[in-house]
Amino acid sequence: MSVFAGTRSINGVQVTVDGRPLDQAIQVRTYGSGFFEWSYEGDGPMQLALAILIEYYGNQQQALSMAEMFMKAIVANFDNDWELTSEDIRSALLQLNPMPTNVSVR
């Protein structure tokens, strides 16, 4: 099970997955500056939602199709410091899309 974590400090934000920096996924799509943010709806949280879902699904199209809903329901509601497991993501996605198609997850 993967663990995603974000921290905000005077030095900025840091997001990791299993202790390593989470790829920003700017090669897939760039929202605004391409930097991660959270706790509101906007470009930074959208970039974070996309990056988390690309890591979770391992599939760009699946991630792109769910990123906006995931950003609004989950990422926009993160506290300054947060942690999210792959099981948390699975549960959230099932609530957002209760009739999932046959999807693969890493």
N, C-alpha and C. Protein backbone atom coordinates (compact mmCIF):
# COMPACT_ATOMS: atom_id res chain seq x y z
N MET A 1 0.85 -1.17 0.00
CA MET A 1 0.00 0.00 0.00
C MET A 1 0.90 1.24 0.00
N SER A 2 0.62 2.16 -0.90
CA SER A 2 1.37 3.41 -0.99
C SER A 2 0.83 4.43 0.00
N VAL A 3 1.74 5.29 0.46
CA VAL A 3 1.37 6.37 1.37
C VAL A 3 1.83 7.69 0.75
N PHE A 4 0.86 8.57 0.52
CA PHE A 4 1.12 9.91 0.01
C PHE A 4 1.08 10.86 1.20
N ALA A 5 1.97 11.85 1.21
CA ALA A 5 2.00 12.80 2.32
C ALA A 5 2.39 14.17 1.80
N GLY A 6 1.79 15.18 2.40
CA GLY A 6 2.11 16.56 2.05
C GLY A 6 2.36 17.37 3.30
N THR A 7 3.33 18.25 3.21
CA THR A 7 3.64 19.15 4.31
C THR A 7 3.81 20.56 3.76
N ARG A 8 3.42 21.53 4.56
CA ARG A 8 3.59 22.94 4.19
C ARG A 8 4.42 23.59 5.29
N SER A 9 5.47 24.29 4.87
CA SER A 9 6.31 25.00 5.83
C SER A 9 6.70 26.35 5.24
N ILE A 10 7.51 27.07 5.96
CA ILE A 10 7.98 28.37 5.48
C ILE A 10 8.79 28.21 4.19
N ASN A 11 9.32 27.02 3.96
CA ASN A 11 10.11 26.73 2.76
C ASN A 11 9.25 26.27 1.59
N GLY A 12 7.95 26.22 1.77
CA GLY A 12 7.06 25.80 0.69
C GLY A 12 6.39 24.48 1.00
N VAL A 13 5.92 23.83 -0.06
CA VAL A 13 5.23 22.56 0.10
C VAL A 13 6.10 21.41 -0.39
N GLN A 14 5.89 20.26 0.23
CA GLN A 14 6.58 19.04 -0.17
C GLN A 14 5.56 17.92 -0.20
N VAL A 15 5.56 17.14 -1.30
CA VAL A 15 4.65 16.01 -1.43
C VAL A 15 5.48 14.78 -1.77
N THR A 16 5.23 13.71 -1.02
CA THR A 16 5.95 12.46 -1.25
C THR A 16 4.98 11.30 -1.41
N VAL A 17 5.49 10.25 -2.03
CA VAL A 17 4.79 8.97 -2.07
C VAL A 17 5.81 7.93 -1.62
N ASP A 18 5.47 7.22 -0.58
CA ASP A 18 6.37 6.22 0.00
C ASP A 18 7.76 6.80 0.29
N GLY A 19 7.78 8.06 0.74
CA GLY A 19 9.02 8.70 1.14
C GLY A 19 9.81 9.36 0.03
N ARG A 20 9.42 9.20 -1.21
CA ARG A 20 10.15 9.84 -2.32
C ARG A 20 9.28 10.96 -2.90
N PRO A 21 9.90 11.97 -3.49
CA PRO A 21 9.11 13.07 -4.07
C PRO A 21 8.13 12.57 -5.12
N LEU A 22 6.90 13.06 -5.07
CA LEU A 22 5.89 12.71 -6.05
C LEU A 22 6.16 13.49 -7.33
N ASP A 23 6.20 12.79 -8.46
CA ASP A 23 6.38 13.43 -9.75
C ASP A 23 5.22 14.40 -10.01
N GLN A 24 5.51 15.58 -10.53
CA GLN A 24 4.47 16.60 -10.73
C GLN A 24 3.57 16.34 -11.93
N ALA A 25 3.89 15.38 -12.75
CA ALA A 25 3.07 14.99 -13.90
C ALA A 25 2.91 16.11 -14.92
N ILE A 26 3.86 17.04 -14.97
CA ILE A 26 3.75 18.13 -15.94
C ILE A 26 3.95 17.64 -17.37
N GLN A 27 4.51 16.44 -17.54
CA GLN A 27 4.65 15.87 -18.87
C GLN A 27 3.30 15.41 -19.41
N VAL A 28 2.33 15.24 -18.54
CA VAL A 28 0.98 14.83 -18.94
C VAL A 28 0.13 16.07 -19.18
N ARG A 29 0.06 16.96 -18.20
CA ARG A 29 -0.68 18.21 -18.32
C ARG A 29 -0.18 19.16 -17.24
N THR A 30 -0.11 20.43 -17.59
CA THR A 30 0.33 21.44 -16.64
C THR A 30 -0.82 22.39 -16.36
N TYR A 31 -1.16 22.52 -15.11
CA TYR A 31 -2.19 23.46 -14.66
C TYR A 31 -1.48 24.64 -14.02
N GLY A 32 -1.71 25.83 -14.53
CA GLY A 32 -1.05 27.02 -13.99
C GLY A 32 0.46 26.88 -14.07
N SER A 33 1.12 27.06 -12.94
CA SER A 33 2.59 26.98 -12.88
C SER A 33 3.10 25.55 -12.83
N GLY A 34 2.21 24.59 -12.57
CA GLY A 34 2.64 23.19 -12.46
C GLY A 34 3.08 22.80 -11.06
N PHE A 35 3.00 23.72 -10.12
CA PHE A 35 3.40 23.44 -8.75
C PHE A 35 2.22 22.89 -7.95
N PHE A 36 2.53 22.10 -6.95
CA PHE A 36 1.50 21.52 -6.09
C PHE A 36 1.00 22.54 -5.07
N GLU A 37 -0.29 22.44 -4.79
CA GLU A 37 -0.93 23.17 -3.70
C GLU A 37 -2.13 22.36 -3.28
N TRP A 38 -2.77 22.77 -2.18
CA TRP A 38 -3.97 22.11 -1.70
C TRP A 38 -4.75 23.03 -0.77
N SER A 39 -5.88 22.58 -0.31
CA SER A 39 -6.77 23.30 0.62
C SER A 39 -7.66 24.33 -0.06
N TYR A 40 -7.74 24.31 -1.36
CA TYR A 40 -8.65 25.17 -2.12
C TYR A 40 -8.81 24.56 -3.51
N GLU A 41 -9.73 25.07 -4.30
CA GLU A 41 -9.92 24.61 -5.67
C GLU A 41 -9.15 25.54 -6.60
N GLY A 42 -8.29 24.98 -7.43
CA GLY A 42 -7.51 25.80 -8.36
C GLY A 42 -6.47 24.98 -9.08
N ASP A 43 -5.56 25.69 -9.76
CA ASP A 43 -4.55 25.01 -10.59
C ASP A 43 -3.58 24.15 -9.79
N GLY A 44 -3.04 24.67 -8.69
CA GLY A 44 -2.09 23.89 -7.88
C GLY A 44 -2.72 22.62 -7.33
N PRO A 45 -3.92 22.70 -6.74
CA PRO A 45 -4.58 21.48 -6.29
C PRO A 45 -4.93 20.52 -7.44
N MET A 46 -5.23 21.07 -8.61
CA MET A 46 -5.52 20.21 -9.76
C MET A 46 -4.26 19.46 -10.19
N GLN A 47 -3.11 20.12 -10.16
CA GLN A 47 -1.85 19.46 -10.50
C GLN A 47 -1.56 18.33 -9.51
N LEU A 48 -1.82 18.59 -8.23
CA LEU A 48 -1.60 17.57 -7.21
C LEU A 48 -2.56 16.40 -7.39
N ALA A 49 -3.81 16.68 -7.64
CA ALA A 49 -4.80 15.61 -7.86
C ALA A 49 -4.37 14.73 -9.04
N LEU A 50 -3.97 15.36 -10.13
CA LEU A 50 -3.54 14.59 -11.30
C LEU A 50 -2.33 13.73 -10.97
N ALA A 51 -1.35 14.30 -10.30
CA ALA A 51 -0.13 13.55 -9.97
C ALA A 51 -0.42 12.36 -9.05
N ILE A 52 -1.25 12.57 -8.05
CA ILE A 52 -1.62 11.48 -7.14
C ILE A 52 -2.31 10.36 -7.93
N LEU A 53 -3.25 10.74 -8.78
CA LEU A 53 -4.01 9.71 -9.51
C LEU A 53 -3.18 9.01 -10.58
N ILE A 54 -2.23 9.69 -11.19
CA ILE A 54 -1.33 9.01 -12.12
C ILE A 54 -0.51 7.97 -11.37
N GLU A 55 -0.01 8.35 -10.21
CA GLU A 55 0.75 7.38 -9.39
C GLU A 55 -0.15 6.23 -8.96
N TYR A 56 -1.37 6.52 -8.58
CA TYR A 56 -2.31 5.51 -8.09
C TYR A 56 -2.73 4.55 -9.20
N TYR A 57 -3.20 5.11 -10.31
CA TYR A 57 -3.70 4.27 -11.40
C TYR A 57 -2.58 3.69 -12.27
N GLY A 58 -1.50 4.46 -12.44
CA GLY A 58 -0.49 4.05 -13.41
C GLY A 58 -0.99 4.22 -14.83
N ASN A 59 -2.02 5.07 -15.00
CA ASN A 59 -2.67 5.26 -16.30
C ASN A 59 -3.09 6.72 -16.42
N GLN A 60 -2.54 7.40 -17.41
CA GLN A 60 -2.80 8.82 -17.56
C GLN A 60 -4.26 9.13 -17.86
N GLN A 61 -4.89 8.36 -18.72
CA GLN A 61 -6.28 8.64 -19.11
C GLN A 61 -7.23 8.48 -17.92
N GLN A 62 -7.06 7.43 -17.14
CA GLN A 62 -7.90 7.25 -15.96
C GLN A 62 -7.69 8.41 -14.99
N ALA A 63 -6.44 8.81 -14.81
CA ALA A 63 -6.13 9.91 -13.90
C ALA A 63 -6.76 11.21 -14.39
N LEU A 64 -6.63 11.50 -15.67
CA LEU A 64 -7.21 12.72 -16.22
C LEU A 64 -8.73 12.74 -16.09
N SER A 65 -9.35 11.59 -16.25
CA SER A 65 -10.82 11.54 -16.20
C SER A 65 -11.38 11.78 -14.79
N MET A 66 -10.60 11.50 -13.75
CA MET A 66 -11.08 11.64 -12.37
C MET A 66 -10.44 12.81 -11.62
N ALA A 67 -9.46 13.47 -12.21
CA ALA A 67 -8.67 14.47 -11.48
C ALA A 67 -9.50 15.63 -10.95
N GLU A 68 -10.42 16.17 -11.74
CA GLU A 68 -11.18 17.33 -11.27
C GLU A 68 -12.09 16.97 -10.10
N MET A 69 -12.78 15.85 -10.20
CA MET A 69 -13.65 15.43 -9.10
C MET A 69 -12.83 15.15 -7.84
N PHE A 70 -11.68 14.49 -8.01
CA PHE A 70 -10.81 14.16 -6.88
C PHE A 70 -10.26 15.44 -6.24
N MET A 71 -9.88 16.40 -7.07
CA MET A 71 -9.37 17.67 -6.54
C MET A 71 -10.43 18.36 -5.69
N LYS A 72 -11.65 18.46 -6.23
CA LYS A 72 -12.71 19.18 -5.51
C LYS A 72 -13.14 18.47 -4.23
N ALA A 73 -13.23 17.15 -4.26
CA ALA A 73 -13.73 16.40 -3.11
C ALA A 73 -12.66 16.10 -2.07
N ILE A 74 -11.41 15.93 -2.49
CA ILE A 74 -10.36 15.48 -1.57
C ILE A 74 -9.27 16.53 -1.38
N VAL A 75 -8.57 16.86 -2.44
CA VAL A 75 -7.39 17.73 -2.35
C VAL A 75 -7.75 19.13 -1.83
N ALA A 76 -8.87 19.66 -2.27
CA ALA A 76 -9.28 20.99 -1.81
C ALA A 76 -9.59 21.03 -0.32
N ASN A 77 -9.76 19.86 0.28
CA ASN A 77 -10.10 19.78 1.70
C ASN A 77 -8.95 19.32 2.60
N PHE A 78 -7.76 19.16 2.04
CA PHE A 78 -6.60 18.78 2.85
C PHE A 78 -6.26 19.88 3.85
N ASP A 79 -5.73 19.47 5.02
CA ASP A 79 -5.15 20.40 5.98
C ASP A 79 -3.74 20.78 5.50
N ASN A 80 -3.06 21.62 6.26
CA ASN A 80 -1.69 21.99 5.89
C ASN A 80 -0.80 20.77 5.73
N ASP A 81 -0.88 19.84 6.66
CA ASP A 81 -0.15 18.57 6.58
C ASP A 81 -1.18 17.46 6.44
N TRP A 82 -0.93 16.53 5.55
CA TRP A 82 -1.90 15.47 5.29
C TRP A 82 -1.18 14.18 4.91
N GLU A 83 -1.93 13.08 5.03
CA GLU A 83 -1.45 11.76 4.62
C GLU A 83 -2.63 11.02 4.02
N LEU A 84 -2.37 10.29 2.96
CA LEU A 84 -3.40 9.59 2.22
C LEU A 84 -2.82 8.26 1.74
N THR A 85 -3.48 7.17 2.06
CA THR A 85 -3.01 5.86 1.60
C THR A 85 -3.70 5.50 0.29
N SER A 86 -3.17 4.51 -0.39
CA SER A 86 -3.83 4.05 -1.62
C SER A 86 -5.22 3.51 -1.30
N GLU A 87 -5.43 2.98 -0.12
CA GLU A 87 -6.76 2.51 0.28
C GLU A 87 -7.71 3.70 0.47
N ASP A 88 -7.21 4.79 1.04
CA ASP A 88 -8.01 6.01 1.16
C ASP A 88 -8.44 6.52 -0.21
N ILE A 89 -7.52 6.47 -1.15
CA ILE A 89 -7.81 6.93 -2.52
C ILE A 89 -8.86 6.03 -3.15
N ARG A 90 -8.69 4.73 -3.00
CA ARG A 90 -9.66 3.78 -3.56
C ARG A 90 -11.06 4.06 -3.00
N SER A 91 -11.15 4.25 -1.71
CA SER A 91 -12.45 4.53 -1.08
C SER A 91 -13.06 5.83 -1.60
N ALA A 92 -12.24 6.86 -1.71
CA ALA A 92 -12.72 8.15 -2.21
C ALA A 92 -13.21 8.02 -3.65
N LEU A 93 -12.45 7.31 -4.47
CA LEU A 93 -12.84 7.16 -5.88
C LEU A 93 -14.13 6.36 -6.02
N LEU A 94 -14.32 5.38 -5.17
CA LEU A 94 -15.57 4.61 -5.20
C LEU A 94 -16.76 5.47 -4.81
N GLN A 95 -16.55 6.40 -3.88
CA GLN A 95 -17.64 7.32 -3.51
C GLN A 95 -17.92 8.32 -4.62
N LEU A 96 -16.88 8.76 -5.31
CA LEU A 96 -17.05 9.73 -6.39
C LEU A 96 -17.63 9.09 -7.65
N ASN A 97 -17.30 7.83 -7.86
CA ASN A 97 -17.73 7.11 -9.06
C ASN A 97 -18.13 5.70 -8.65
N PRO A 98 -19.33 5.53 -8.07
CA PRO A 98 -19.73 4.25 -7.49
C PRO A 98 -19.85 3.10 -8.49
N MET A 99 -19.93 3.40 -9.77
CA MET A 99 -20.02 2.35 -10.79
C MET A 99 -18.77 2.36 -11.65
N PRO A 100 -17.60 2.06 -11.07
CA PRO A 100 -16.36 2.15 -11.86
C PRO A 100 -16.34 1.11 -12.97
N THR A 101 -15.71 1.52 -14.05
CA THR A 101 -15.49 0.56 -15.14
C THR A 101 -14.34 -0.34 -14.71
N ASN A 102 -14.05 -1.29 -15.52
CA ASN A 102 -12.98 -2.23 -15.20
C ASN A 102 -11.65 -1.48 -15.24
N VAL A 103 -11.16 -1.05 -14.06
CA VAL A 103 -9.94 -0.27 -14.00
C VAL A 103 -8.87 -1.07 -13.30
N SER A 104 -7.65 -0.77 -13.70
CA SER A 104 -6.52 -1.42 -13.05
C SER A 104 -5.87 -0.41 -12.13
N VAL A 105 -5.32 -0.90 -11.05
CA VAL A 105 -4.66 -0.06 -10.05
C VAL A 105 -3.35 -0.70 -9.71
N ARG A 106 -2.32 0.12 -9.56
CA ARG A 106 -1.01 -0.42 -9.18
C ARG A 106 -1.01 -0.84 -7.75
